[in-house]
């Protein structure tokens, strides 16, 4: 990651505490992370500032994270995607997305801060 341009990360989770905690961990590690709890707001924000990385919860009420990732990838093909979930139904949703030709990384929500930073840096 170039020192003069921290990577921009959008974090989307319908649980405000989770979104803000992940953003805080990434900000403390040199990324420029912003937390969102609303899918529409993250899409609006991306119109003016496309992030380098999108981190999204999979199971959310408005639109699931895989649908968001597919939409994001279609609109912003250079954006890297990391999906997170604490819900076992996410695995089935990922299988369907993979069968449709989409490949996203999925991490369990019980992510240790160091593992999160390493995964994001690897993207």
N, C-alpha and C. Protein backbone atom coordinates (compact mmCIF):
# COMPACT_ATOMS: atom_id res chain seq x y z
N UNK A 1 0.84 -1.18 0.00
CA UNK A 1 0.00 0.00 0.00
C UNK A 1 0.89 1.24 0.00
N UNK A 2 0.76 2.10 -1.01
CA UNK A 2 1.59 3.30 -1.04
C UNK A 2 1.30 4.19 0.16
N UNK A 3 2.36 4.72 0.77
CA UNK A 3 2.20 5.52 1.98
C UNK A 3 1.45 6.82 1.70
N UNK A 4 1.60 7.38 0.49
CA UNK A 4 0.95 8.65 0.20
C UNK A 4 -0.50 8.50 -0.24
N UNK A 5 -0.97 7.29 -0.41
CA UNK A 5 -2.36 7.06 -0.81
C UNK A 5 -2.91 5.83 -0.10
N UNK A 6 -3.46 6.03 1.10
CA UNK A 6 -4.04 4.87 1.77
C UNK A 6 -5.22 4.31 0.97
N UNK A 7 -5.36 3.02 0.96
CA UNK A 7 -6.46 2.41 0.24
C UNK A 7 -7.78 2.75 0.91
N UNK A 8 -8.76 3.11 0.08
CA UNK A 8 -10.09 3.43 0.56
C UNK A 8 -10.89 2.16 0.71
N UNK A 9 -11.51 1.97 1.87
CA UNK A 9 -12.29 0.77 2.15
C UNK A 9 -13.68 1.18 2.61
N UNK A 10 -14.70 0.60 1.99
CA UNK A 10 -16.07 0.78 2.46
C UNK A 10 -16.46 -0.51 3.19
N UNK A 11 -16.96 -0.36 4.40
CA UNK A 11 -17.39 -1.50 5.22
C UNK A 11 -18.91 -1.42 5.36
N UNK A 12 -19.61 -2.49 4.94
CA UNK A 12 -21.07 -2.50 4.99
C UNK A 12 -21.54 -3.64 5.88
N UNK A 13 -22.29 -3.29 6.91
CA UNK A 13 -22.89 -4.29 7.80
C UNK A 13 -24.13 -3.67 8.41
N UNK A 14 -25.22 -4.41 8.47
CA UNK A 14 -26.45 -3.87 9.04
C UNK A 14 -26.36 -3.70 10.56
N UNK A 15 -25.33 -4.26 11.17
CA UNK A 15 -25.08 -4.05 12.61
C UNK A 15 -24.08 -2.89 12.74
N UNK A 16 -24.54 -1.73 13.22
CA UNK A 16 -23.66 -0.55 13.29
C UNK A 16 -22.37 -0.79 14.07
N UNK A 17 -22.44 -1.55 15.16
CA UNK A 17 -21.24 -1.81 15.96
C UNK A 17 -20.19 -2.60 15.19
N UNK A 18 -20.65 -3.56 14.42
CA UNK A 18 -19.72 -4.37 13.62
C UNK A 18 -19.08 -3.52 12.53
N UNK A 19 -19.89 -2.75 11.81
CA UNK A 19 -19.36 -1.91 10.73
C UNK A 19 -18.34 -0.91 11.26
N UNK A 20 -18.67 -0.25 12.38
CA UNK A 20 -17.76 0.77 12.91
C UNK A 20 -16.50 0.15 13.51
N UNK A 21 -16.61 -1.02 14.10
CA UNK A 21 -15.43 -1.68 14.67
C UNK A 21 -14.45 -2.10 13.57
N UNK A 22 -14.98 -2.69 12.51
CA UNK A 22 -14.11 -3.10 11.39
C UNK A 22 -13.45 -1.86 10.77
N UNK A 23 -14.22 -0.79 10.57
CA UNK A 23 -13.64 0.43 10.01
C UNK A 23 -12.55 0.99 10.93
N UNK A 24 -12.79 0.98 12.25
CA UNK A 24 -11.81 1.50 13.20
C UNK A 24 -10.51 0.69 13.16
N UNK A 25 -10.64 -0.63 13.09
CA UNK A 25 -9.45 -1.50 13.01
C UNK A 25 -8.65 -1.17 11.76
N UNK A 26 -9.34 -1.03 10.64
CA UNK A 26 -8.65 -0.74 9.38
C UNK A 26 -8.04 0.66 9.39
N UNK A 27 -8.76 1.65 9.93
CA UNK A 27 -8.22 3.01 10.01
C UNK A 27 -6.95 3.04 10.86
N UNK A 28 -6.94 2.29 11.96
CA UNK A 28 -5.77 2.23 12.83
C UNK A 28 -4.59 1.54 12.15
N UNK A 29 -4.89 0.79 11.08
CA UNK A 29 -3.85 0.06 10.37
C UNK A 29 -3.42 0.75 9.07
N UNK A 30 -3.85 1.99 8.89
CA UNK A 30 -3.38 2.77 7.74
C UNK A 30 -4.30 2.81 6.54
N UNK A 31 -5.46 2.19 6.63
CA UNK A 31 -6.44 2.27 5.54
C UNK A 31 -7.34 3.48 5.79
N UNK A 32 -8.07 3.87 4.78
CA UNK A 32 -9.06 4.95 4.92
C UNK A 32 -10.43 4.28 4.82
N UNK A 33 -10.95 3.83 5.96
CA UNK A 33 -12.18 3.04 5.99
C UNK A 33 -13.37 3.86 6.46
N UNK A 34 -14.51 3.60 5.83
CA UNK A 34 -15.77 4.24 6.19
C UNK A 34 -16.81 3.15 6.42
N UNK A 35 -17.55 3.27 7.52
CA UNK A 35 -18.59 2.29 7.86
C UNK A 35 -19.94 2.72 7.31
N UNK A 36 -20.70 1.75 6.80
CA UNK A 36 -22.05 1.96 6.31
C UNK A 36 -22.96 0.87 6.87
N UNK A 37 -24.21 1.23 7.13
CA UNK A 37 -25.18 0.22 7.55
C UNK A 37 -26.31 0.10 6.53
N UNK A 38 -26.25 0.90 5.47
CA UNK A 38 -27.31 0.95 4.48
C UNK A 38 -26.72 0.76 3.09
N UNK A 39 -27.24 -0.21 2.36
CA UNK A 39 -26.74 -0.55 1.02
C UNK A 39 -26.89 0.63 0.06
N UNK A 40 -28.02 1.31 0.11
CA UNK A 40 -28.25 2.45 -0.79
C UNK A 40 -27.23 3.57 -0.54
N UNK A 41 -26.91 3.80 0.74
CA UNK A 41 -25.94 4.86 1.06
C UNK A 41 -24.54 4.51 0.57
N UNK A 42 -24.17 3.24 0.64
CA UNK A 42 -22.84 2.86 0.15
C UNK A 42 -22.77 3.01 -1.36
N UNK A 43 -23.86 2.69 -2.06
CA UNK A 43 -23.87 2.85 -3.52
C UNK A 43 -23.79 4.34 -3.89
N UNK A 44 -24.48 5.19 -3.15
CA UNK A 44 -24.42 6.63 -3.39
C UNK A 44 -23.02 7.17 -3.13
N UNK A 45 -22.40 6.73 -2.05
CA UNK A 45 -21.05 7.19 -1.71
C UNK A 45 -20.04 6.76 -2.77
N UNK A 46 -20.22 5.57 -3.32
CA UNK A 46 -19.29 5.06 -4.34
C UNK A 46 -19.34 5.88 -5.62
N UNK A 47 -20.48 6.51 -5.88
CA UNK A 47 -20.60 7.34 -7.08
C UNK A 47 -19.62 8.51 -7.05
N UNK A 48 -19.35 9.05 -5.87
CA UNK A 48 -18.43 10.18 -5.78
C UNK A 48 -17.02 9.76 -5.39
N UNK A 49 -16.88 8.60 -4.78
CA UNK A 49 -15.56 8.11 -4.36
C UNK A 49 -15.57 6.59 -4.37
N UNK A 50 -15.16 6.01 -5.48
CA UNK A 50 -15.14 4.56 -5.58
C UNK A 50 -14.06 3.99 -4.66
N UNK A 51 -14.42 3.06 -3.78
CA UNK A 51 -13.40 2.51 -2.88
C UNK A 51 -12.48 1.53 -3.61
N UNK A 52 -11.31 1.33 -3.03
CA UNK A 52 -10.40 0.30 -3.55
C UNK A 52 -10.90 -1.07 -3.14
N UNK A 53 -11.53 -1.13 -1.96
CA UNK A 53 -11.97 -2.40 -1.37
C UNK A 53 -13.36 -2.22 -0.77
N UNK A 54 -14.21 -3.22 -0.97
CA UNK A 54 -15.53 -3.27 -0.34
C UNK A 54 -15.55 -4.49 0.57
N UNK A 55 -15.88 -4.27 1.84
CA UNK A 55 -16.09 -5.36 2.78
C UNK A 55 -17.56 -5.34 3.13
N UNK A 56 -18.24 -6.47 2.94
CA UNK A 56 -19.67 -6.50 3.20
C UNK A 56 -20.09 -7.75 3.95
N UNK A 57 -21.01 -7.54 4.89
CA UNK A 57 -21.69 -8.65 5.53
C UNK A 57 -22.50 -9.35 4.44
N UNK A 58 -22.72 -10.64 4.57
CA UNK A 58 -23.50 -11.37 3.57
C UNK A 58 -24.99 -11.25 3.85
N UNK A 59 -25.40 -11.53 5.08
CA UNK A 59 -26.82 -11.56 5.40
C UNK A 59 -27.25 -10.19 5.94
N UNK A 60 -27.96 -9.45 5.07
CA UNK A 60 -28.47 -8.13 5.43
C UNK A 60 -29.91 -8.01 4.92
N UNK A 61 -30.72 -7.15 5.54
CA UNK A 61 -32.13 -7.08 5.18
C UNK A 61 -32.45 -6.51 3.79
N UNK A 62 -31.78 -5.43 3.37
CA UNK A 62 -32.14 -4.78 2.11
C UNK A 62 -31.69 -5.58 0.88
N UNK A 63 -30.46 -5.98 0.91
CA UNK A 63 -29.83 -6.70 -0.20
C UNK A 63 -28.71 -7.51 0.43
N UNK A 64 -28.58 -8.79 0.06
CA UNK A 64 -27.50 -9.54 0.69
C UNK A 64 -26.15 -9.08 0.13
N UNK A 65 -25.11 -9.37 0.87
CA UNK A 65 -23.77 -8.91 0.51
C UNK A 65 -23.27 -9.45 -0.81
N UNK A 66 -23.71 -10.64 -1.18
CA UNK A 66 -23.29 -11.22 -2.46
C UNK A 66 -23.93 -10.44 -3.60
N UNK A 67 -25.21 -10.11 -3.46
CA UNK A 67 -25.88 -9.28 -4.48
C UNK A 67 -25.19 -7.92 -4.59
N UNK A 68 -24.85 -7.35 -3.43
CA UNK A 68 -24.14 -6.07 -3.43
C UNK A 68 -22.78 -6.21 -4.11
N UNK A 69 -22.07 -7.28 -3.80
CA UNK A 69 -20.75 -7.50 -4.40
C UNK A 69 -20.85 -7.64 -5.92
N UNK A 70 -21.85 -8.37 -6.40
CA UNK A 70 -22.04 -8.54 -7.84
C UNK A 70 -22.35 -7.19 -8.50
N UNK A 71 -23.22 -6.42 -7.87
CA UNK A 71 -23.57 -5.10 -8.39
C UNK A 71 -22.36 -4.17 -8.38
N UNK A 72 -21.60 -4.21 -7.30
CA UNK A 72 -20.41 -3.38 -7.16
C UNK A 72 -19.37 -3.75 -8.22
N UNK A 73 -19.14 -5.05 -8.40
CA UNK A 73 -18.14 -5.52 -9.36
C UNK A 73 -18.51 -5.11 -10.78
N UNK A 74 -19.83 -5.15 -11.09
CA UNK A 74 -20.28 -4.77 -12.42
C UNK A 74 -20.07 -3.27 -12.67
N UNK A 75 -20.28 -2.47 -11.62
CA UNK A 75 -20.15 -1.02 -11.75
C UNK A 75 -18.72 -0.54 -11.57
N UNK A 76 -17.99 -1.18 -10.66
CA UNK A 76 -16.61 -0.78 -10.32
C UNK A 76 -15.70 -2.02 -10.41
N UNK A 77 -15.35 -2.43 -11.61
CA UNK A 77 -14.62 -3.70 -11.78
C UNK A 77 -13.26 -3.77 -11.09
N UNK A 78 -12.64 -2.64 -10.80
CA UNK A 78 -11.32 -2.66 -10.14
C UNK A 78 -11.42 -2.79 -8.62
N UNK A 79 -12.62 -2.64 -8.07
CA UNK A 79 -12.82 -2.72 -6.62
C UNK A 79 -12.67 -4.17 -6.17
N UNK A 80 -11.87 -4.37 -5.14
CA UNK A 80 -11.69 -5.71 -4.55
C UNK A 80 -12.80 -5.93 -3.52
N UNK A 81 -13.23 -7.18 -3.37
CA UNK A 81 -14.36 -7.50 -2.50
C UNK A 81 -13.96 -8.54 -1.45
N UNK A 82 -14.37 -8.29 -0.21
CA UNK A 82 -14.22 -9.25 0.87
C UNK A 82 -15.57 -9.36 1.56
N UNK A 83 -16.11 -10.57 1.61
CA UNK A 83 -17.39 -10.80 2.26
C UNK A 83 -17.17 -11.42 3.64
N UNK A 84 -18.01 -11.03 4.59
CA UNK A 84 -17.92 -11.56 5.95
C UNK A 84 -19.29 -12.04 6.38
N UNK A 85 -19.31 -13.06 7.22
CA UNK A 85 -20.60 -13.53 7.72
C UNK A 85 -20.42 -14.36 8.97
N UNK A 86 -21.42 -14.26 9.83
CA UNK A 86 -21.49 -15.11 11.01
C UNK A 86 -22.65 -16.07 10.86
N UNK A 87 -23.23 -16.13 9.68
CA UNK A 87 -24.43 -16.92 9.42
C UNK A 87 -24.09 -18.08 8.49
N UNK A 88 -24.51 -19.29 8.85
CA UNK A 88 -24.19 -20.46 8.05
C UNK A 88 -24.86 -20.45 6.68
N UNK A 89 -25.94 -19.69 6.50
CA UNK A 89 -26.60 -19.63 5.19
C UNK A 89 -25.71 -18.94 4.15
N UNK A 90 -24.70 -18.21 4.61
CA UNK A 90 -23.79 -17.53 3.68
C UNK A 90 -23.06 -18.52 2.79
N UNK A 91 -22.74 -19.69 3.32
CA UNK A 91 -22.02 -20.68 2.51
C UNK A 91 -22.85 -21.11 1.31
N UNK A 92 -24.13 -21.32 1.50
CA UNK A 92 -25.01 -21.70 0.39
C UNK A 92 -25.12 -20.57 -0.63
N UNK A 93 -25.26 -19.34 -0.15
CA UNK A 93 -25.31 -18.19 -1.05
C UNK A 93 -24.02 -18.07 -1.86
N UNK A 94 -22.89 -18.35 -1.22
CA UNK A 94 -21.60 -18.31 -1.92
C UNK A 94 -21.52 -19.40 -2.99
N UNK A 95 -22.04 -20.59 -2.68
CA UNK A 95 -22.05 -21.67 -3.66
C UNK A 95 -22.83 -21.27 -4.91
N UNK A 96 -23.98 -20.66 -4.71
CA UNK A 96 -24.81 -20.21 -5.84
C UNK A 96 -24.06 -19.15 -6.65
N UNK A 97 -23.43 -18.20 -5.99
CA UNK A 97 -22.67 -17.16 -6.69
C UNK A 97 -21.52 -17.76 -7.48
N UNK A 98 -20.84 -18.73 -6.89
CA UNK A 98 -19.73 -19.39 -7.58
C UNK A 98 -20.23 -20.12 -8.83
N UNK A 99 -21.37 -20.79 -8.72
CA UNK A 99 -21.94 -21.49 -9.86
C UNK A 99 -22.32 -20.51 -10.97
N UNK A 100 -22.61 -19.27 -10.59
CA UNK A 100 -22.95 -18.23 -11.57
C UNK A 100 -21.71 -17.52 -12.11
N UNK A 101 -20.53 -17.97 -11.69
CA UNK A 101 -19.29 -17.42 -12.21
C UNK A 101 -18.67 -16.29 -11.40
N UNK A 102 -19.16 -16.07 -10.20
CA UNK A 102 -18.61 -15.01 -9.34
C UNK A 102 -17.68 -15.64 -8.31
N UNK A 103 -16.56 -14.98 -8.06
CA UNK A 103 -15.60 -15.49 -7.08
C UNK A 103 -15.30 -14.40 -6.06
N UNK A 104 -15.72 -14.63 -4.83
CA UNK A 104 -15.47 -13.68 -3.75
C UNK A 104 -14.86 -14.43 -2.57
N UNK A 105 -14.05 -13.72 -1.79
CA UNK A 105 -13.49 -14.28 -0.57
C UNK A 105 -14.49 -14.11 0.56
N UNK A 106 -14.70 -15.17 1.34
CA UNK A 106 -15.62 -15.12 2.47
C UNK A 106 -14.85 -15.44 3.74
N UNK A 107 -14.99 -14.58 4.75
CA UNK A 107 -14.37 -14.81 6.06
C UNK A 107 -15.46 -14.87 7.11
N UNK A 108 -15.22 -15.67 8.14
CA UNK A 108 -16.14 -15.76 9.27
C UNK A 108 -16.09 -14.47 10.07
N UNK A 109 -17.23 -14.04 10.61
CA UNK A 109 -17.28 -12.78 11.35
C UNK A 109 -16.48 -12.81 12.65
N UNK A 110 -16.09 -13.95 13.10
CA UNK A 110 -15.25 -13.98 14.29
C UNK A 110 -13.79 -13.74 13.89
N UNK A 111 -13.58 -12.65 13.15
CA UNK A 111 -12.27 -12.32 12.59
C UNK A 111 -11.41 -11.63 13.65
N UNK A 112 -10.22 -12.11 13.81
CA UNK A 112 -9.26 -11.44 14.68
C UNK A 112 -8.75 -10.20 13.94
N UNK A 113 -8.53 -9.10 14.65
CA UNK A 113 -8.07 -7.88 13.97
C UNK A 113 -6.86 -8.09 13.05
N UNK A 114 -5.86 -8.84 13.51
CA UNK A 114 -4.68 -9.07 12.67
C UNK A 114 -5.02 -9.84 11.40
N UNK A 115 -5.94 -10.81 11.52
CA UNK A 115 -6.36 -11.59 10.35
C UNK A 115 -7.13 -10.71 9.37
N UNK A 116 -7.95 -9.82 9.90
CA UNK A 116 -8.71 -8.90 9.05
C UNK A 116 -7.76 -8.01 8.27
N UNK A 117 -6.83 -7.39 8.95
CA UNK A 117 -5.88 -6.48 8.30
C UNK A 117 -5.07 -7.24 7.26
N UNK A 118 -4.63 -8.44 7.60
CA UNK A 118 -3.86 -9.25 6.64
C UNK A 118 -4.68 -9.60 5.40
N UNK A 119 -5.94 -9.96 5.59
CA UNK A 119 -6.80 -10.31 4.47
C UNK A 119 -7.05 -9.11 3.57
N UNK A 120 -7.28 -7.95 4.16
CA UNK A 120 -7.53 -6.75 3.38
C UNK A 120 -6.26 -6.33 2.64
N UNK A 121 -5.12 -6.39 3.31
CA UNK A 121 -3.86 -6.03 2.68
C UNK A 121 -3.54 -6.96 1.52
N UNK A 122 -3.93 -8.22 1.64
CA UNK A 122 -3.68 -9.22 0.59
C UNK A 122 -4.49 -8.93 -0.68
N UNK A 123 -5.65 -8.29 -0.50
CA UNK A 123 -6.48 -7.96 -1.66
C UNK A 123 -5.77 -7.00 -2.57
